[in-house]
Each structure stands twice: as C-alpha cells, then as structure tokens.
Amino acid sequence: PASSRISKTSVMPCLLVAVEQTWAELMRDAKTLSQRLTGMTAFVETMTIWEFDLVPAFPTDYSLKPWYSRLYHTKLVSFITDHISHPDAVAKLSSEEQMSVVHWIERYVNALESL
C-alpha cells in the first residue's frame, strides 16, 4: 500500500538536517586551508557513501539523486565562494595554496556539476 512507502515530505527535511550537521562537524575545527580542503574532501566522501546507501532505499520517483547532489554541491560552492575564492581570501594564499584549491575544485566541484 502507498502508506507503507517512505514519506518524501518527512525524509527530505531530516536528510537536509543530517547533511548540515555532518558539514558542521567536519568543518568545526578547520582553520587552515589544508584543514578546510581535508574537511571538504571528507564531506564529499561521506555524502557519496550516504548516497550509495540511500538511493536504493528510495522509490525511483523520488528523484533523490539530483536533489541530494545539488544539496551538497551548493554547500561546497557557497563555502568556497565565501571562504576560499573571494579576493580577500585569495590574497592571503600562497601560490601553492591557490593551486591546491584549483586542483580541489577541478576534482570535486566540476565532477559534481556533471551529475
């Protein structure tokens, strides 16, 4: 019966909260660029594992994957924009750090955009 299916309206807000809490935990102590990149990598890896676990559990008409991918892509992009790529932040980075950010963005953000 339809009533036995996972309720999209109850699950999505809970998943949103779980994603936000995971982000907050991973980034709480990330002060340096290296720590931030490590935290963002852990976030992407965690979200990928969750996605692997979650997608099969949801009815296909819930379209979890695009919603979920957008959710954590948006989180990453807004953080990068606010803390790493704006001119004030870039001015504080060494050229080596700037390259590490570029490589990180190419690896993770561009990959997520293609989903």
Foldseek 3Di string as FASTA:
>chain_A
DVVVADDPVVPVVVVLVVLVVLLCVQCVPQDDLVSVLVSLVVSVVVLVVVCVVPVVRHDPVSVPVVVSLCSSLVVVVVCCCVAPPDPVNVVPDDVVSVVVVVVSCVVPNVVSVVD
